[in-house]
Amino acid sequence: MVQAMEAVANNATLRTEAIAKGYIHAQKFTPHACAAEVMKVYQQTMST
């Protein structure tokens, strides 16, 4: 893991790609999507 962190720290291309992928991944976590997941867990809990 240390080697991977060093690679990202020392390589601008890897760093830029990781940042871009992070932004794309973060878009999945909208307030609506999070609320829907919480509601799903709540409904599963209440049905058991």
N, C-alpha and C. Protein backbone atom coordinates (compact mmCIF):
# COMPACT_ATOMS: atom_id res chain seq x y z
N MET A 1 0.82 -1.18 0.00
CA MET A 1 0.00 0.00 0.00
C MET A 1 0.88 1.26 0.00
N VAL A 2 1.97 1.19 0.72
CA VAL A 2 2.88 2.32 0.75
C VAL A 2 3.40 2.62 -0.65
N GLN A 3 3.72 1.56 -1.39
CA GLN A 3 4.23 1.76 -2.75
C GLN A 3 3.19 2.42 -3.64
N ALA A 4 1.93 2.02 -3.48
CA ALA A 4 0.86 2.63 -4.28
C ALA A 4 0.70 4.10 -3.94
N MET A 5 0.78 4.43 -2.66
CA MET A 5 0.65 5.82 -2.24
C MET A 5 1.82 6.66 -2.76
N GLU A 6 3.01 6.08 -2.73
CA GLU A 6 4.18 6.78 -3.25
C GLU A 6 4.07 6.99 -4.75
N ALA A 7 3.54 5.98 -5.44
CA ALA A 7 3.37 6.09 -6.89
C ALA A 7 2.42 7.23 -7.24
N VAL A 8 1.32 7.33 -6.52
CA VAL A 8 0.35 8.40 -6.78
C VAL A 8 0.96 9.76 -6.41
N ALA A 9 1.69 9.79 -5.31
CA ALA A 9 2.29 11.05 -4.87
C ALA A 9 3.36 11.55 -5.84
N ASN A 10 4.05 10.63 -6.47
CA ASN A 10 5.16 11.00 -7.34
C ASN A 10 4.82 11.04 -8.83
N ASN A 11 3.60 10.66 -9.19
CA ASN A 11 3.23 10.58 -10.60
C ASN A 11 2.00 11.44 -10.85
N ALA A 12 2.18 12.56 -11.51
CA ALA A 12 1.08 13.50 -11.75
C ALA A 12 -0.05 12.88 -12.57
N THR A 13 0.30 12.01 -13.51
CA THR A 13 -0.72 11.37 -14.34
C THR A 13 -1.61 10.46 -13.50
N LEU A 14 -0.99 9.62 -12.67
CA LEU A 14 -1.77 8.74 -11.79
C LEU A 14 -2.63 9.56 -10.83
N ARG A 15 -2.08 10.62 -10.31
CA ARG A 15 -2.80 11.48 -9.37
C ARG A 15 -4.02 12.10 -10.05
N THR A 16 -3.84 12.61 -11.26
CA THR A 16 -4.94 13.23 -12.00
C THR A 16 -6.03 12.21 -12.31
N GLU A 17 -5.63 11.01 -12.71
CA GLU A 17 -6.60 9.96 -13.00
C GLU A 17 -7.36 9.55 -11.75
N ALA A 18 -6.67 9.44 -10.63
CA ALA A 18 -7.33 9.06 -9.37
C ALA A 18 -8.33 10.12 -8.93
N ILE A 19 -7.97 11.37 -9.09
CA ILE A 19 -8.88 12.46 -8.74
C ILE A 19 -10.12 12.41 -9.62
N ALA A 20 -9.94 12.22 -10.91
CA ALA A 20 -11.08 12.16 -11.84
C ALA A 20 -12.00 11.00 -11.49
N LYS A 21 -11.42 9.83 -11.21
CA LYS A 21 -12.22 8.67 -10.84
C LYS A 21 -12.95 8.92 -9.52
N GLY A 22 -12.30 9.62 -8.62
CA GLY A 22 -12.92 9.94 -7.33
C GLY A 22 -14.14 10.83 -7.50
N TYR A 23 -14.04 11.83 -8.37
CA TYR A 23 -15.18 12.71 -8.63
C TYR A 23 -16.34 11.93 -9.23
N ILE A 24 -16.04 11.04 -10.14
CA ILE A 24 -17.10 10.22 -10.76
C ILE A 24 -17.76 9.34 -9.71
N HIS A 25 -16.96 8.72 -8.87
CA HIS A 25 -17.50 7.85 -7.82
C HIS A 25 -18.34 8.65 -6.82
N ALA A 26 -17.90 9.84 -6.48
CA ALA A 26 -18.61 10.67 -5.50
C ALA A 26 -19.99 11.10 -6.00
N GLN A 27 -20.19 11.16 -7.30
CA GLN A 27 -21.48 11.56 -7.85
C GLN A 27 -22.57 10.55 -7.51
N LYS A 28 -22.20 9.34 -7.15
CA LYS A 28 -23.18 8.30 -6.77
C LYS A 28 -23.80 8.59 -5.41
N PHE A 29 -23.19 9.46 -4.63
CA PHE A 29 -23.61 9.69 -3.26
C PHE A 29 -24.40 10.99 -3.13
N THR A 30 -25.49 11.08 -3.88
CA THR A 30 -26.37 12.24 -3.77
C THR A 30 -27.22 12.09 -2.52
N PRO A 31 -27.77 13.18 -2.01
CA PRO A 31 -28.65 13.07 -0.85
C PRO A 31 -29.83 12.12 -1.10
N HIS A 32 -30.38 12.18 -2.31
CA HIS A 32 -31.52 11.30 -2.64
C HIS A 32 -31.10 9.84 -2.63
N ALA A 33 -29.96 9.53 -3.22
CA ALA A 33 -29.49 8.14 -3.26
C ALA A 33 -29.19 7.62 -1.86
N CYS A 34 -28.59 8.45 -1.03
CA CYS A 34 -28.29 8.04 0.35
C CYS A 34 -29.57 7.80 1.13
N ALA A 35 -30.55 8.70 0.97
CA ALA A 35 -31.83 8.54 1.66
C ALA A 35 -32.54 7.27 1.20
N ALA A 36 -32.46 6.97 -0.07
CA ALA A 36 -33.10 5.75 -0.59
C ALA A 36 -32.46 4.50 0.01
N GLU A 37 -31.14 4.50 0.16
CA GLU A 37 -30.46 3.35 0.76
C GLU A 37 -30.82 3.22 2.24
N VAL A 38 -30.89 4.34 2.95
CA VAL A 38 -31.27 4.29 4.36
C VAL A 38 -32.70 3.75 4.48
N MET A 39 -33.60 4.20 3.62
CA MET A 39 -34.98 3.73 3.65
C MET A 39 -35.06 2.23 3.36
N LYS A 40 -34.24 1.76 2.43
CA LYS A 40 -34.23 0.33 2.10
C LYS A 40 -33.80 -0.49 3.31
N VAL A 41 -32.77 -0.05 3.99
CA VAL A 41 -32.29 -0.76 5.19
C VAL A 41 -33.36 -0.72 6.27
N TYR A 42 -33.99 0.44 6.44
CA TYR A 42 -35.05 0.59 7.45
C TYR A 42 -36.20 -0.37 7.15
N GLN A 43 -36.62 -0.44 5.90
CA GLN A 43 -37.72 -1.33 5.52
C GLN A 43 -37.34 -2.79 5.72
N GLN A 44 -36.11 -3.15 5.40
CA GLN A 44 -35.66 -4.53 5.62
C GLN A 44 -35.65 -4.85 7.10
N THR A 45 -35.23 -3.91 7.90
CA THR A 45 -35.17 -4.11 9.36
C THR A 45 -36.56 -4.28 9.94
N MET A 46 -37.51 -3.49 9.46
CA MET A 46 -38.86 -3.52 10.00
C MET A 46 -39.63 -4.75 9.54
N SER A 47 -39.23 -5.37 8.43
CA SER A 47 -39.96 -6.52 7.91
C SER A 47 -39.48 -7.85 8.51
N THR A 48 -38.43 -7.80 9.30
CA THR A 48 -37.93 -9.05 9.90
C THR A 48 -38.32 -9.17 11.34
